[in-house]
């Protein structure tokens, strides 16, 4: 968890209270292996950072009843409405949004577009610099001005590759902006144009996480994507997270950490305190969620 710990220390001033967590666009753990891996990472990170699960708000319109039961079993708080990521963050908050659509990142940034509030946002999300490098500058500036303007000033630490779950954490990074980076931005930089039509869609449209955006526009594969994931032993004592596979060939327990790698445990590893439901090859739920011990 060192990457996330260091980022929190740099992004937020010392405080007695742990930051809040806002999780958007997770997907359905009962039907998506990637969603289960990302949920495992989220729970492990909260446990490691001693963030009470009641400080974690979650929303995705694709949540099924079984997903909501699973989240409730682990103390997470379902958000009651789809705000299209338009959340005002009044205190330091980890925004856990892997593979959300670009307009959702834009909405979150726009709602917090001030010197006082932007430093409250620590994103675990697609690397915004990838969009800046892949989308024509004029198009990005017109449709997603906050992303276009903020990307060059973000401190970004990519999560390590995850061989067992290659699409769960690819292009994902811990990102935040330092207060000092905003100090010299002029009034023109802070002045935003009117929202583009996609950003003003009704909150009931169900766009959060539907569909999810696994990667920014295609770019050449980084050599680091082929890095090994390391030893199979558990590196987070007491926070093992089981992510049941969708087929026999991938049947393994995984320990997800905030460096982004899920390490496969040996068959005799200590059982996890978190069980995420398995699915069949057809995506049907084959196991009821098991509550944390």
Protein backbone atom coordinates (compact mmCIF):
# COMPACT_ATOMS: atom_id res chain seq x y z
CA UNK A 1 0.00 0.00 0.00
CA UNK A 2 3.02 2.27 -0.05
CA UNK A 3 2.04 4.13 -3.22
CA UNK A 4 -1.36 5.08 -1.84
CA UNK A 5 -0.02 5.94 1.60
CA UNK A 6 2.63 8.25 0.17
CA UNK A 7 0.11 9.89 -2.14
CA UNK A 8 -2.29 10.53 0.75
CA UNK A 9 0.49 12.07 2.83
CA UNK A 10 1.42 14.40 -0.03
CA UNK A 11 -2.10 15.23 -1.17
CA UNK A 12 -3.81 15.87 2.16
CA UNK A 13 -2.59 17.75 5.23
CA UNK A 14 -2.16 15.74 8.44
CA UNK A 15 -5.52 15.11 10.09
CA UNK A 16 -6.98 13.04 12.88
CA UNK A 17 -9.82 11.77 10.69
CA UNK A 18 -9.33 9.43 7.73
CA UNK A 19 -10.45 10.69 4.32
CA UNK A 20 -13.84 9.85 2.91
CA UNK A 21 -14.10 7.48 -0.06
CA UNK A 22 -16.39 7.93 -3.07
CA UNK A 23 -16.60 4.86 -5.33
CA UNK A 24 -18.32 5.38 -8.68
CA UNK A 25 -18.72 3.12 -11.71
CA UNK A 26 -17.49 -0.05 -10.02
CA UNK A 27 -19.62 -2.34 -12.16
CA UNK A 28 -21.51 -5.38 -10.92
CA UNK A 29 -19.40 -7.67 -8.69
CA UNK A 30 -21.93 -10.48 -9.16
CA UNK A 31 -21.35 -10.55 -12.91
CA UNK A 32 -17.95 -8.94 -13.56
CA UNK A 33 -14.60 -10.43 -12.61
CA UNK A 34 -12.92 -7.03 -13.02
CA UNK A 35 -15.48 -5.46 -10.68
CA UNK A 36 -14.74 -8.13 -8.08
CA UNK A 37 -10.99 -7.47 -8.35
CA UNK A 38 -11.52 -3.72 -8.02
CA UNK A 39 -13.81 -4.20 -5.03
CA UNK A 40 -11.14 -6.38 -3.44
CA UNK A 41 -8.58 -3.61 -3.93
CA UNK A 42 -10.93 -1.01 -2.47
CA UNK A 43 -11.66 -3.07 0.65
CA UNK A 44 -8.00 -3.97 1.18
CA UNK A 45 -6.95 -0.33 0.80
CA UNK A 46 -9.55 0.86 3.31
CA UNK A 47 -8.47 -1.78 5.81
CA UNK A 48 -4.80 -0.94 5.39
CA UNK A 49 -5.42 2.79 5.74
CA UNK A 50 -7.83 2.25 8.66
CA UNK A 51 -10.71 3.88 6.82
CA UNK A 52 -13.98 2.72 8.31
CA UNK A 53 -16.20 1.13 5.66
CA UNK A 54 -19.07 3.41 6.69
CA UNK A 55 -17.04 6.29 5.20
CA UNK A 56 -17.22 4.63 1.76
CA UNK A 57 -20.10 5.71 -0.51
CA UNK A 58 -20.70 3.62 -3.63
CA UNK A 59 -22.88 4.02 -6.70
CA UNK A 60 -23.37 2.35 -10.04
CA UNK A 61 -26.76 2.01 -11.77
CA UNK A 62 -25.83 -1.52 -12.82
CA UNK A 63 -25.82 -2.79 -9.22
CA UNK A 64 -28.13 -5.77 -8.85
CA UNK A 65 -29.84 -6.64 -5.60
CA UNK A 66 -27.15 -9.20 -4.87
CA UNK A 67 -24.46 -6.54 -5.37
CA UNK A 68 -26.20 -4.24 -2.90
CA UNK A 69 -26.42 -7.05 -0.36
CA UNK A 70 -22.72 -7.78 -0.76
CA UNK A 71 -21.76 -4.12 -0.35
CA UNK A 72 -23.99 -3.84 2.73
CA UNK A 73 -22.38 -6.92 4.26
CA UNK A 74 -19.07 -5.12 4.17
CA UNK A 75 -20.46 -1.89 5.59
CA UNK A 76 -20.27 0.20 2.40
CA UNK A 77 -22.95 2.85 1.94
CA UNK A 78 -24.90 2.79 -1.36
CA UNK A 79 -25.51 6.29 -2.67
CA UNK A 80 -29.25 6.84 -3.27
CA UNK A 81 -29.12 8.69 -6.59
CA UNK A 82 -27.17 9.00 -9.81
CA UNK A 83 -25.48 12.39 -9.78
CA UNK A 84 -23.42 11.67 -12.89
CA UNK A 85 -20.33 12.14 -10.67
CA UNK A 86 -21.35 15.71 -9.84
CA UNK A 87 -20.27 15.47 -6.20
CA UNK A 88 -18.97 18.45 -4.27
CA UNK A 89 -16.13 17.26 -2.04
CA UNK A 90 -15.89 19.50 1.01
CA UNK A 91 -13.24 17.42 2.77
CA UNK A 92 -10.33 15.20 1.61
CA UNK A 93 -11.79 12.35 -0.41
CA UNK A 94 -10.45 9.36 -2.31
CA UNK A 95 -12.44 9.14 -5.55
CA UNK A 96 -12.20 5.48 -6.56
CA UNK A 97 -13.25 5.48 -10.24
CA UNK A 98 -11.30 2.91 -12.29
CA UNK A 99 -12.36 2.84 -15.94
CA UNK A 100 -15.21 5.33 -15.70
CA UNK A 101 -16.17 7.29 -18.79
CA UNK A 102 -14.23 10.48 -19.42
CA UNK A 103 -17.23 12.76 -18.92
CA UNK A 104 -17.61 11.46 -15.35
CA UNK A 105 -14.08 12.55 -14.48
CA UNK A 106 -14.90 15.91 -16.06
CA UNK A 107 -18.09 16.24 -14.01
CA UNK A 108 -16.32 15.50 -10.73
CA UNK A 109 -13.55 17.99 -11.45
CA UNK A 110 -15.98 20.70 -12.58
CA UNK A 111 -18.00 20.41 -9.37
CA UNK A 112 -14.78 21.01 -7.41
CA UNK A 113 -13.16 23.55 -9.72
CA UNK A 114 -11.63 25.96 -7.21
CA UNK A 115 -8.34 26.45 -5.37
CA UNK A 116 -10.03 25.39 -2.17
CA UNK A 117 -11.70 22.19 -3.38
CA UNK A 118 -9.50 20.62 -6.07
CA UNK A 119 -6.87 19.66 -3.47
CA UNK A 120 -9.59 17.63 -1.72
CA UNK A 121 -9.69 15.19 -4.65
CA UNK A 122 -7.42 12.16 -4.83
CA UNK A 123 -8.34 10.11 -7.89
CA UNK A 124 -7.77 6.40 -8.38
CA UNK A 125 -8.81 6.35 -11.99
CA UNK A 126 -7.71 6.21 -15.61
CA UNK A 127 -4.59 8.33 -16.10
CA UNK A 128 -5.90 11.70 -17.24
CA UNK A 129 -2.61 12.41 -19.00
CA UNK A 130 -3.45 9.55 -21.39
CA UNK A 131 -6.48 11.47 -22.61
CA UNK A 132 -4.44 14.64 -23.02
CA UNK A 133 -1.92 12.75 -25.14
CA UNK A 134 -4.46 10.78 -27.18
CA UNK A 135 -7.30 13.21 -27.91
CA UNK A 136 -6.72 16.27 -30.13
CA UNK A 137 -6.07 19.25 -27.88
CA UNK A 138 -8.84 21.40 -29.36
CA UNK A 139 -11.45 18.65 -29.00
CA UNK A 140 -10.45 17.84 -25.41
CA UNK A 141 -10.41 21.52 -24.43
CA UNK A 142 -13.88 22.07 -25.90
CA UNK A 143 -15.57 18.95 -24.52
CA UNK A 144 -13.63 18.28 -21.30
CA UNK A 145 -11.90 21.54 -20.34
CA UNK A 146 -11.22 20.57 -16.73
CA UNK A 147 -9.39 17.40 -17.73
CA UNK A 148 -7.48 19.27 -20.43
CA UNK A 149 -6.37 22.04 -18.08
CA UNK A 150 -5.64 19.98 -14.98
CA UNK A 151 -3.84 16.99 -16.53
CA UNK A 152 -0.44 18.74 -16.88
CA UNK A 153 -0.43 19.70 -13.20
CA UNK A 154 -1.40 16.34 -11.70
CA UNK A 155 0.98 14.24 -9.68
CA UNK A 156 0.33 10.76 -11.05
CA UNK A 157 1.55 7.40 -9.78
CA UNK A 158 0.51 4.47 -12.01
CA UNK A 159 -0.64 1.27 -10.36
CA UNK A 160 1.57 -1.72 -11.01
CA UNK A 161 0.50 -4.22 -13.69
CA UNK A 162 -1.76 -7.05 -12.56
CA UNK A 163 -1.24 -10.23 -14.58
CA UNK A 164 -4.21 -12.21 -13.16
CA UNK A 165 -6.58 -9.29 -13.86
CA UNK A 166 -5.02 -7.43 -16.80
CA UNK A 167 -8.08 -5.31 -17.62
CA UNK A 168 -9.07 -4.48 -14.04
CA UNK A 169 -6.28 -1.98 -13.35
CA UNK A 170 -4.69 -1.14 -16.71
CA UNK A 171 -4.12 2.59 -17.29
CA UNK A 172 -5.06 3.24 -13.65
CA UNK A 173 -3.16 5.65 -11.43
CA UNK A 174 -3.33 7.50 -8.12
CA UNK A 175 -3.61 11.19 -9.08
CA UNK A 176 -3.84 14.46 -7.20
CA UNK A 177 -2.91 18.11 -7.58
CA UNK A 178 -0.70 19.92 -5.10
CA UNK A 179 -1.91 23.26 -3.75
CA UNK A 180 1.32 24.84 -4.95
CA UNK A 181 0.57 23.81 -8.53
CA UNK A 182 -2.65 25.84 -8.44
CA UNK A 183 -1.22 28.95 -6.81
CA UNK A 184 -0.24 30.72 -10.03
CA UNK A 185 -3.18 29.76 -12.21
CA UNK A 186 -4.87 32.93 -13.47
CA UNK A 187 -8.57 33.79 -13.68
CA UNK A 188 -8.76 32.72 -17.32
CA UNK A 189 -7.58 29.23 -16.36
CA UNK A 190 -10.33 28.96 -13.74
CA UNK A 191 -13.07 30.32 -16.01
CA UNK A 192 -14.89 27.44 -17.69
CA UNK A 193 -17.15 27.36 -20.77
CA UNK A 194 -20.69 26.06 -20.55
CA UNK A 195 -21.05 22.33 -20.07
CA UNK A 196 -21.08 20.24 -23.23
CA UNK A 197 -24.35 18.31 -23.90
CA UNK A 198 -22.96 14.97 -22.68
CA UNK A 199 -22.13 16.55 -19.33
CA UNK A 200 -25.68 17.84 -18.83
CA UNK A 201 -27.49 14.53 -19.39
CA UNK A 202 -30.25 13.88 -16.83
CA UNK A 203 -29.08 12.29 -13.61
CA UNK A 204 -31.51 9.42 -14.21
CA UNK A 205 -29.89 8.43 -17.50
CA UNK A 206 -27.82 5.73 -15.85
CA UNK A 207 -24.58 6.65 -17.55
CA UNK A 208 -22.33 6.13 -14.54
CA UNK A 209 -20.41 2.99 -15.31
CA UNK A 210 -22.62 2.05 -18.26
CA UNK A 211 -20.67 1.33 -20.34
CA UNK A 212 -17.35 1.46 -18.50
CA UNK A 213 -14.31 2.87 -20.24
CA UNK A 214 -11.48 0.35 -19.70
CA UNK A 215 -8.87 2.47 -21.45
CA UNK A 216 -8.40 5.91 -22.96
CA UNK A 217 -8.05 5.98 -26.76
CA UNK A 218 -5.59 3.30 -27.90
CA UNK A 219 -1.89 3.98 -27.47
CA UNK A 220 1.16 1.75 -27.90
CA UNK A 221 1.42 -0.81 -25.13
CA UNK A 222 3.89 0.24 -22.46
CA UNK A 223 6.79 -2.14 -21.85
CA UNK A 224 5.96 -1.96 -18.16
CA UNK A 225 2.70 -3.77 -18.85
CA UNK A 226 4.71 -6.98 -19.11
CA UNK A 227 6.36 -6.65 -15.72
CA UNK A 228 6.01 -9.67 -13.41
CA UNK A 229 3.55 -9.32 -10.56
CA UNK A 230 5.97 -10.62 -7.95
CA UNK A 231 5.86 -13.39 -5.37
CA UNK A 232 2.62 -15.31 -4.78
CA UNK A 233 2.80 -14.90 -1.01
CA UNK A 234 0.57 -12.59 0.94
CA UNK A 235 2.05 -9.12 1.54
CA UNK A 236 -0.87 -7.57 3.43
CA UNK A 237 -1.23 -9.43 6.70
CA UNK A 238 -4.84 -9.86 7.72
CA UNK A 239 -6.33 -8.21 4.63
CA UNK A 240 -6.49 -11.08 2.12
CA UNK A 241 -9.27 -10.67 -0.40
CA UNK A 242 -10.68 -13.59 -2.36
CA UNK A 243 -11.75 -12.89 -5.91
CA UNK A 244 -13.37 -16.09 -7.16
CA UNK A 245 -12.60 -16.76 -10.81
CA UNK A 246 -15.15 -17.20 -13.56
CA UNK A 247 -13.70 -20.47 -14.85
CA UNK A 248 -11.63 -23.42 -13.63
CA UNK A 249 -8.42 -22.25 -15.29
CA UNK A 250 -8.50 -18.97 -13.40
CA UNK A 251 -9.69 -20.31 -10.03
CA UNK A 252 -7.44 -18.47 -7.57
CA UNK A 253 -7.53 -16.26 -4.52
CA UNK A 254 -6.03 -12.82 -4.95
CA UNK A 255 -4.56 -10.32 -2.60
CA UNK A 256 -5.10 -6.85 -4.08
CA UNK A 257 -2.95 -3.98 -2.87
CA UNK A 258 -2.87 -0.29 -3.64
CA UNK A 259 0.12 -0.69 -5.92
CA UNK A 260 -2.42 -2.26 -8.27
CA UNK A 261 -1.20 -5.84 -8.38
CA UNK A 262 -3.28 -8.81 -7.30
CA UNK A 263 -0.96 -11.57 -6.23
CA UNK A 264 -2.24 -15.13 -6.54
CA UNK A 265 -2.08 -16.96 -3.23
CA UNK A 266 -0.86 -20.49 -2.76
CA UNK A 267 -3.60 -23.16 -2.40
CA UNK A 268 -3.00 -23.47 1.35
CA UNK A 269 -3.14 -19.71 1.98
CA UNK A 270 -5.16 -18.44 4.92
CA UNK A 271 -8.83 -17.92 3.91
CA UNK A 272 -9.85 -14.33 3.27
CA UNK A 273 -12.14 -12.27 5.42
CA UNK A 274 -13.87 -11.11 2.24
CA UNK A 275 -15.56 -13.41 -0.26
CA UNK A 276 -16.74 -12.00 -3.57
CA UNK A 277 -19.33 -14.14 -5.38
CA UNK A 278 -18.25 -16.42 -8.19
CA UNK A 279 -19.93 -16.68 -11.57
CA UNK A 280 -20.20 -19.38 -14.16
CA UNK A 281 -18.86 -19.01 -17.69
CA UNK A 282 -22.28 -17.68 -18.63
CA UNK A 283 -22.06 -14.94 -16.00
CA UNK A 284 -24.79 -16.48 -13.81
CA UNK A 285 -24.28 -16.19 -10.07
CA UNK A 286 -23.29 -19.55 -8.63
CA UNK A 287 -22.48 -18.54 -5.06
CA UNK A 288 -24.22 -16.29 -2.58
CA UNK A 289 -22.09 -13.52 -1.04
CA UNK A 290 -20.46 -14.50 2.23
CA UNK A 291 -20.31 -11.94 4.99
CA UNK A 292 -17.02 -10.84 6.43
CA UNK A 293 -15.91 -12.83 9.43
